[in-house]
């Protein structure tokens, strides 16, 4: 009776499939979110670099002039730079949280699968099926 599947195997398989059924879609959604956040970060980074270069080109003018309009323009540009930096930090934090969520989700699934595998191995042992060949203890040959 080599290869006999224990009566508990279908239950284990059902639990296994149930546990991993939504994993790919959860990972896909989270990775899509990270990709979207990354695209936003790239766009903001480009705008930030442009604003920074513009400010640096005119920094002396912005800080040494007595013209209120020029000073106000410099302040607006600095405020825009600071706003973009804050937005980038927030988006980066969100990306890190999403990535940590993926790790947590994977660890959670791994723990569930390890637990199910240990239970399945106990069930196999209780039914006298060896781990390596699927044979019962009475059918092993030396």
N, C-alpha and C. Protein backbone atom coordinates (compact mmCIF):
# COMPACT_ATOMS: atom_id res chain seq x y z
N UNK A 1 0.82 -1.20 0.00
CA UNK A 1 0.00 0.00 0.00
C UNK A 1 0.86 1.26 0.00
N UNK A 2 1.90 1.25 -0.75
CA UNK A 2 2.78 2.41 -0.85
C UNK A 2 2.02 3.58 -1.45
N UNK A 3 2.26 4.78 -0.86
CA UNK A 3 1.63 5.99 -1.38
C UNK A 3 0.21 6.20 -0.89
N UNK A 4 -0.21 5.47 0.12
CA UNK A 4 -1.55 5.65 0.66
C UNK A 4 -1.64 7.03 1.28
N UNK A 5 -2.66 7.73 0.92
CA UNK A 5 -2.87 9.06 1.48
C UNK A 5 -3.72 8.93 2.71
N UNK A 6 -3.24 9.42 3.84
CA UNK A 6 -4.01 9.31 5.08
C UNK A 6 -5.34 10.03 4.96
N UNK A 7 -6.26 9.61 5.78
CA UNK A 7 -7.60 10.20 5.71
C UNK A 7 -7.59 11.68 6.05
N UNK A 8 -6.56 12.16 6.75
CA UNK A 8 -6.50 13.57 7.14
C UNK A 8 -5.88 14.45 6.05
N UNK A 9 -5.26 13.85 5.05
CA UNK A 9 -4.58 14.64 4.02
C UNK A 9 -5.50 15.62 3.32
N UNK A 10 -6.71 15.22 2.92
CA UNK A 10 -7.58 16.21 2.27
C UNK A 10 -7.88 17.40 3.18
N UNK A 11 -8.02 17.16 4.48
CA UNK A 11 -8.27 18.27 5.41
C UNK A 11 -7.07 19.20 5.46
N UNK A 12 -5.87 18.62 5.49
CA UNK A 12 -4.66 19.43 5.50
C UNK A 12 -4.57 20.25 4.22
N UNK A 13 -4.80 19.60 3.09
CA UNK A 13 -4.73 20.28 1.80
C UNK A 13 -5.76 21.41 1.72
N UNK A 14 -6.96 21.13 2.19
CA UNK A 14 -7.99 22.17 2.20
C UNK A 14 -7.56 23.37 3.05
N UNK A 15 -7.03 23.09 4.23
CA UNK A 15 -6.57 24.18 5.11
C UNK A 15 -5.43 24.94 4.46
N UNK A 16 -4.50 24.19 3.86
CA UNK A 16 -3.35 24.81 3.20
C UNK A 16 -3.82 25.76 2.09
N UNK A 17 -4.69 25.26 1.22
CA UNK A 17 -5.18 26.08 0.12
C UNK A 17 -5.98 27.27 0.62
N UNK A 18 -6.73 27.07 1.66
CA UNK A 18 -7.50 28.17 2.24
C UNK A 18 -6.57 29.25 2.79
N UNK A 19 -5.48 28.80 3.42
CA UNK A 19 -4.53 29.76 4.00
C UNK A 19 -3.79 30.57 2.96
N UNK A 20 -3.47 29.98 1.83
CA UNK A 20 -2.68 30.69 0.83
C UNK A 20 -3.51 31.28 -0.31
N UNK A 21 -4.79 31.03 -0.29
CA UNK A 21 -5.66 31.47 -1.39
C UNK A 21 -5.54 32.97 -1.67
N UNK A 22 -5.55 33.78 -0.64
CA UNK A 22 -5.58 35.22 -0.84
C UNK A 22 -4.20 35.86 -0.78
N UNK A 23 -3.19 35.08 -0.48
CA UNK A 23 -1.85 35.63 -0.38
C UNK A 23 -1.40 36.33 -1.67
N UNK A 24 -1.50 35.70 -2.84
CA UNK A 24 -1.05 36.40 -4.05
C UNK A 24 -1.79 37.72 -4.31
N UNK A 25 -3.09 37.75 -4.10
CA UNK A 25 -3.81 39.00 -4.36
C UNK A 25 -3.45 40.06 -3.34
N UNK A 26 -3.25 39.66 -2.08
CA UNK A 26 -2.82 40.63 -1.06
C UNK A 26 -1.45 41.20 -1.40
N UNK A 27 -0.54 40.33 -1.81
CA UNK A 27 0.79 40.79 -2.19
C UNK A 27 0.72 41.70 -3.42
N UNK A 28 -0.07 41.30 -4.38
CA UNK A 28 -0.21 42.10 -5.60
C UNK A 28 -0.74 43.50 -5.28
N UNK A 29 -1.77 43.57 -4.45
CA UNK A 29 -2.34 44.88 -4.09
C UNK A 29 -1.31 45.75 -3.38
N UNK A 30 -0.58 45.17 -2.46
CA UNK A 30 0.39 45.95 -1.70
C UNK A 30 1.55 46.38 -2.59
N UNK A 31 2.02 45.49 -3.45
CA UNK A 31 3.10 45.86 -4.37
C UNK A 31 2.64 46.91 -5.36
N UNK A 32 1.39 46.85 -5.80
CA UNK A 32 0.85 47.89 -6.68
C UNK A 32 0.80 49.23 -5.97
N UNK A 33 0.43 49.22 -4.70
CA UNK A 33 0.42 50.45 -3.90
C UNK A 33 1.83 51.02 -3.79
N UNK A 34 2.80 50.16 -3.51
CA UNK A 34 4.19 50.62 -3.41
C UNK A 34 4.65 51.21 -4.74
N UNK A 35 4.30 50.56 -5.84
CA UNK A 35 4.67 51.06 -7.17
C UNK A 35 4.04 52.44 -7.42
N UNK A 36 2.78 52.58 -7.06
CA UNK A 36 2.09 53.87 -7.23
C UNK A 36 2.74 54.96 -6.38
N UNK A 37 3.05 54.62 -5.14
CA UNK A 37 3.71 55.58 -4.25
C UNK A 37 5.09 55.96 -4.79
N UNK A 38 5.77 54.98 -5.37
CA UNK A 38 7.09 55.24 -5.92
C UNK A 38 7.00 56.20 -7.11
N UNK A 39 5.98 56.02 -7.95
CA UNK A 39 5.80 56.94 -9.08
C UNK A 39 5.51 58.37 -8.58
N UNK A 40 4.69 58.47 -7.54
CA UNK A 40 4.42 59.79 -6.95
C UNK A 40 5.71 60.41 -6.41
N UNK A 41 6.51 59.59 -5.74
CA UNK A 41 7.78 60.09 -5.20
C UNK A 41 8.70 60.58 -6.30
N UNK A 42 8.75 59.84 -7.40
CA UNK A 42 9.60 60.26 -8.52
C UNK A 42 9.15 61.61 -9.07
N UNK A 43 7.86 61.78 -9.24
CA UNK A 43 7.34 63.05 -9.77
C UNK A 43 7.63 64.20 -8.81
N UNK A 44 7.42 63.98 -7.54
CA UNK A 44 7.67 65.03 -6.55
C UNK A 44 9.17 65.32 -6.46
N UNK A 45 9.99 64.29 -6.54
CA UNK A 45 11.45 64.47 -6.49
C UNK A 45 11.91 65.33 -7.66
N UNK A 46 11.39 65.08 -8.84
CA UNK A 46 11.74 65.88 -10.02
C UNK A 46 11.37 67.34 -9.80
N UNK A 47 10.15 67.58 -9.33
CA UNK A 47 9.70 68.95 -9.06
C UNK A 47 10.54 69.60 -7.96
N UNK A 48 10.89 68.82 -6.95
CA UNK A 48 11.72 69.32 -5.84
C UNK A 48 13.11 69.72 -6.35
N UNK A 49 13.69 68.90 -7.19
CA UNK A 49 15.00 69.22 -7.75
C UNK A 49 14.95 70.50 -8.58
N UNK A 50 13.89 70.65 -9.34
CA UNK A 50 13.74 71.87 -10.15
C UNK A 50 13.61 73.10 -9.26
N UNK A 51 12.75 73.00 -8.23
CA UNK A 51 12.57 74.12 -7.30
C UNK A 51 13.87 74.44 -6.56
N UNK A 52 14.57 73.40 -6.14
CA UNK A 52 15.83 73.61 -5.42
C UNK A 52 16.87 74.28 -6.30
N UNK A 53 16.99 73.81 -7.53
CA UNK A 53 17.95 74.42 -8.46
C UNK A 53 17.58 75.89 -8.71
N UNK A 54 16.30 76.14 -8.89
CA UNK A 54 15.84 77.52 -9.12
C UNK A 54 16.17 78.40 -7.90
N UNK A 55 15.92 77.88 -6.71
CA UNK A 55 16.19 78.67 -5.51
C UNK A 55 17.69 78.93 -5.38
N UNK A 56 18.49 77.89 -5.60
CA UNK A 56 19.94 78.05 -5.46
C UNK A 56 20.51 79.04 -6.48
N UNK A 57 19.96 79.03 -7.69
CA UNK A 57 20.42 79.99 -8.71
C UNK A 57 20.14 81.43 -8.27
N UNK A 58 19.06 81.61 -7.53
CA UNK A 58 18.64 82.97 -7.18
C UNK A 58 18.74 83.26 -5.68
N UNK A 59 19.40 82.41 -4.93
CA UNK A 59 19.45 82.54 -3.47
C UNK A 59 19.99 83.90 -3.03
N UNK A 60 21.07 84.33 -3.64
CA UNK A 60 21.65 85.62 -3.26
C UNK A 60 20.65 86.74 -3.51
N UNK A 61 19.96 86.67 -4.65
CA UNK A 61 18.97 87.69 -4.99
C UNK A 61 17.82 87.68 -3.97
N UNK A 62 17.35 86.48 -3.62
CA UNK A 62 16.23 86.37 -2.68
C UNK A 62 16.58 86.91 -1.30
N UNK A 63 17.82 86.72 -0.86
CA UNK A 63 18.18 87.10 0.51
C UNK A 63 18.77 88.49 0.64
N UNK A 64 19.29 89.05 -0.45
CA UNK A 64 19.97 90.35 -0.31
C UNK A 64 19.18 91.52 -0.88
N UNK A 65 18.05 91.26 -1.47
CA UNK A 65 17.29 92.35 -2.09
C UNK A 65 16.40 93.06 -1.08
N UNK A 66 16.10 94.26 -1.40
CA UNK A 66 15.13 95.00 -0.59
C UNK A 66 13.75 94.98 -1.23
N UNK A 67 13.67 94.37 -2.41
CA UNK A 67 12.41 94.26 -3.13
C UNK A 67 11.52 93.20 -2.45
N UNK A 68 10.40 93.64 -1.94
CA UNK A 68 9.51 92.76 -1.18
C UNK A 68 8.95 91.64 -2.05
N UNK A 69 8.70 91.93 -3.31
CA UNK A 69 8.16 90.90 -4.21
C UNK A 69 9.18 89.78 -4.45
N UNK A 70 10.41 90.14 -4.63
CA UNK A 70 11.47 89.14 -4.86
C UNK A 70 11.66 88.30 -3.60
N UNK A 71 11.67 88.96 -2.45
CA UNK A 71 11.79 88.22 -1.17
C UNK A 71 10.60 87.27 -0.99
N UNK A 72 9.40 87.75 -1.31
CA UNK A 72 8.20 86.93 -1.18
C UNK A 72 8.26 85.73 -2.13
N UNK A 73 8.79 85.96 -3.33
CA UNK A 73 8.94 84.85 -4.28
C UNK A 73 9.91 83.80 -3.72
N UNK A 74 10.98 84.25 -3.12
CA UNK A 74 11.94 83.34 -2.50
C UNK A 74 11.31 82.56 -1.36
N UNK A 75 10.52 83.23 -0.55
CA UNK A 75 9.83 82.57 0.57
C UNK A 75 8.83 81.53 0.06
N UNK A 76 8.10 81.90 -1.00
CA UNK A 76 7.14 80.95 -1.59
C UNK A 76 7.87 79.71 -2.13
N UNK A 77 8.99 79.95 -2.77
CA UNK A 77 9.76 78.85 -3.32
C UNK A 77 10.31 77.96 -2.20
N UNK A 78 10.81 78.57 -1.14
CA UNK A 78 11.28 77.79 0.02
C UNK A 78 10.14 77.00 0.65
N UNK A 79 8.98 77.62 0.76
CA UNK A 79 7.81 76.92 1.33
C UNK A 79 7.42 75.74 0.45
N UNK A 80 7.49 75.93 -0.86
CA UNK A 80 7.19 74.85 -1.79
C UNK A 80 8.19 73.70 -1.64
N UNK A 81 9.45 74.05 -1.50
CA UNK A 81 10.50 73.04 -1.30
C UNK A 81 10.24 72.25 -0.02
N UNK A 82 9.95 72.97 1.05
CA UNK A 82 9.68 72.31 2.33
C UNK A 82 8.45 71.41 2.26
N UNK A 83 7.43 71.89 1.57
CA UNK A 83 6.20 71.11 1.40
C UNK A 83 6.49 69.81 0.62
N UNK A 84 7.25 69.93 -0.44
CA UNK A 84 7.60 68.74 -1.24
C UNK A 84 8.45 67.76 -0.42
N UNK A 85 9.37 68.30 0.36
CA UNK A 85 10.19 67.43 1.22
C UNK A 85 9.31 66.68 2.23
N UNK A 86 8.38 67.39 2.83
CA UNK A 86 7.48 66.75 3.80
C UNK A 86 6.61 65.69 3.13
N UNK A 87 6.13 66.00 1.94
CA UNK A 87 5.31 65.04 1.19
C UNK A 87 6.13 63.79 0.84
N UNK A 88 7.37 63.99 0.42
CA UNK A 88 8.24 62.85 0.11
C UNK A 88 8.49 61.99 1.35
N UNK A 89 8.71 62.64 2.50
CA UNK A 89 8.91 61.87 3.74
C UNK A 89 7.67 61.06 4.07
N UNK A 90 6.50 61.67 3.92
CA UNK A 90 5.24 60.97 4.22
C UNK A 90 5.03 59.79 3.26
N UNK A 91 5.28 60.01 1.98
CA UNK A 91 5.13 58.92 1.00
C UNK A 91 6.15 57.81 1.26
N UNK A 92 7.36 58.20 1.61
CA UNK A 92 8.39 57.20 1.91
C UNK A 92 8.00 56.38 3.14
N UNK A 93 7.47 57.05 4.15
CA UNK A 93 7.00 56.34 5.34
C UNK A 93 5.88 55.37 4.98
N UNK A 94 5.00 55.80 4.09
CA UNK A 94 3.90 54.94 3.66
C UNK A 94 4.42 53.73 2.89
N UNK A 95 5.44 53.95 2.06
CA UNK A 95 6.04 52.82 1.33
C UNK A 95 6.69 51.84 2.30
N UNK A 96 7.38 52.36 3.30
CA UNK A 96 8.03 51.48 4.30
C UNK A 96 6.96 50.69 5.05
N UNK A 97 5.88 51.34 5.44
CA UNK A 97 4.80 50.65 6.14
C UNK A 97 4.21 49.54 5.27
N UNK A 98 4.03 49.82 3.98
CA UNK A 98 3.49 48.81 3.07
C UNK A 98 4.46 47.64 2.94
N UNK A 99 5.75 47.93 2.82
CA UNK A 99 6.75 46.86 2.72
C UNK A 99 6.79 46.05 4.01
N UNK A 100 6.71 46.72 5.15
CA UNK A 100 6.68 46.00 6.43
C UNK A 100 5.42 45.15 6.52
N UNK A 101 4.33 45.64 5.95
CA UNK A 101 3.09 44.86 5.93
C UNK A 101 3.26 43.59 5.11
N UNK A 102 4.00 43.67 4.00
CA UNK A 102 4.26 42.48 3.19
C UNK A 102 5.07 41.47 4.00
N UNK A 103 6.09 41.95 4.68
CA UNK A 103 6.92 41.06 5.50
C UNK A 103 6.07 40.43 6.60
N UNK A 104 5.26 41.23 7.24
CA UNK A 104 4.39 40.71 8.31
C UNK A 104 3.41 39.68 7.75
N UNK A 105 2.82 39.98 6.60
CA UNK A 105 1.88 39.05 5.97
C UNK A 105 2.57 37.74 5.61
N UNK A 106 3.76 37.84 5.01
CA UNK A 106 4.50 36.63 4.65
C UNK A 106 4.86 35.83 5.89
N UNK A 107 5.30 36.51 6.94
CA UNK A 107 5.63 35.81 8.19
C UNK A 107 4.40 35.14 8.80
N UNK A 108 3.29 35.82 8.73
CA UNK A 108 2.04 35.29 9.26
C UNK A 108 1.65 34.01 8.50
N UNK A 109 1.72 34.08 7.17
CA UNK A 109 1.39 32.90 6.37
C UNK A 109 2.39 31.77 6.61
N UNK A 110 3.67 32.11 6.73
CA UNK A 110 4.67 31.09 6.99
C UNK A 110 4.40 30.41 8.33
N UNK A 111 4.04 31.18 9.33
CA UNK A 111 3.73 30.61 10.64
C UNK A 111 2.51 29.68 10.54
N UNK A 112 1.47 30.14 9.85
CA UNK A 112 0.27 29.29 9.69
C UNK A 112 0.61 28.01 8.96
N UNK A 113 1.41 28.13 7.90
CA UNK A 113 1.77 26.94 7.13
C UNK A 113 2.67 26.01 7.93
N UNK A 114 3.61 26.56 8.69
CA UNK A 114 4.45 25.73 9.56
C UNK A 114 3.60 24.98 10.57
N UNK A 115 2.64 25.67 11.15
CA UNK A 115 1.75 25.05 12.13
C UNK A 115 0.94 23.94 11.48
N UNK A 116 0.39 24.21 10.31
CA UNK A 116 -0.38 23.18 9.59
C UNK A 116 0.50 22.00 9.21
N UNK A 117 1.72 22.27 8.78
CA UNK A 117 2.63 21.18 8.40
C UNK A 117 2.97 20.32 9.61
N UNK A 118 3.25 20.96 10.74
CA UNK A 118 3.54 20.19 11.95
C UNK A 118 2.35 19.33 12.34
N UNK A 119 1.15 19.89 12.24
CA UNK A 119 -0.06 19.12 12.56
C UNK A 119 -0.22 17.96 11.59
N UNK A 120 0.03 18.20 10.31
CA UNK A 120 -0.09 17.15 9.31
C UNK A 120 0.93 16.05 9.57
N UNK A 121 2.16 16.43 9.92
CA UNK A 121 3.18 15.43 10.23
C UNK A 121 2.78 14.60 11.45
N UNK A 122 2.17 15.24 12.45
CA UNK A 122 1.69 14.49 13.63
C UNK A 122 0.59 13.51 13.22
N UNK A 123 -0.31 13.98 12.33
CA UNK A 123 -1.38 13.10 11.85
C UNK A 123 -0.82 11.92 11.08
N UNK A 124 0.19 12.18 10.26
CA UNK A 124 0.83 11.09 9.51
C UNK A 124 1.48 10.10 10.47
N UNK A 125 2.19 10.60 11.45
CA UNK A 125 2.85 9.74 12.42
C UNK A 125 1.82 8.92 13.18
N UNK A 126 0.70 9.54 13.54
CA UNK A 126 -0.34 8.82 14.28
C UNK A 126 -0.95 7.71 13.43
N UNK A 127 -0.95 7.88 12.12
CA UNK A 127 -1.49 6.86 11.22
C UNK A 127 -0.42 5.89 10.76
N UNK A 128 0.82 6.08 11.22
CA UNK A 128 1.90 5.17 10.90
C UNK A 128 2.50 5.36 9.53
N UNK A 129 2.35 6.53 8.94
CA UNK A 129 2.92 6.81 7.62
C UNK A 129 4.25 7.49 7.84
N UNK A 130 5.29 7.00 7.14
CA UNK A 130 6.60 7.62 7.28
C UNK A 130 6.65 8.89 6.46
N UNK A 131 7.54 9.74 6.86
CA UNK A 131 7.66 11.05 6.19
C UNK A 131 8.33 10.94 4.83
N UNK A 132 9.30 10.05 4.68
CA UNK A 132 10.12 10.05 3.48
C UNK A 132 9.48 9.37 2.27
N UNK A 133 8.70 8.28 2.47
CA UNK A 133 8.22 7.54 1.31
C UNK A 133 6.71 7.38 1.28
N UNK A 134 6.04 7.84 2.27
CA UNK A 134 4.59 7.68 2.29
C UNK A 134 4.17 6.25 2.58
N UNK A 135 5.06 5.43 3.15
CA UNK A 135 4.73 4.05 3.47
C UNK A 135 4.31 3.94 4.92
N UNK A 136 3.50 2.98 5.22
CA UNK A 136 3.16 2.75 6.61
C UNK A 136 4.32 2.02 7.27
N UNK A 137 4.38 2.09 8.58
CA UNK A 137 5.45 1.49 9.33
C UNK A 137 5.60 -0.01 9.07
N UNK A 138 4.52 -0.75 8.85
CA UNK A 138 4.58 -2.20 8.63
C UNK A 138 5.04 -2.55 7.25
N UNK A 139 5.08 -1.60 6.32
CA UNK A 139 5.44 -1.89 4.93
C UNK A 139 6.91 -1.57 4.64
N UNK A 140 7.62 -0.94 5.57
CA UNK A 140 9.01 -0.57 5.34
C UNK A 140 9.87 -1.82 5.21
N UNK A 141 10.84 -1.76 4.31
CA UNK A 141 11.77 -2.85 4.17
C UNK A 141 13.17 -2.33 4.47
N UNK A 142 14.00 -3.18 5.00
CA UNK A 142 15.36 -2.75 5.37
C UNK A 142 16.35 -3.22 4.35
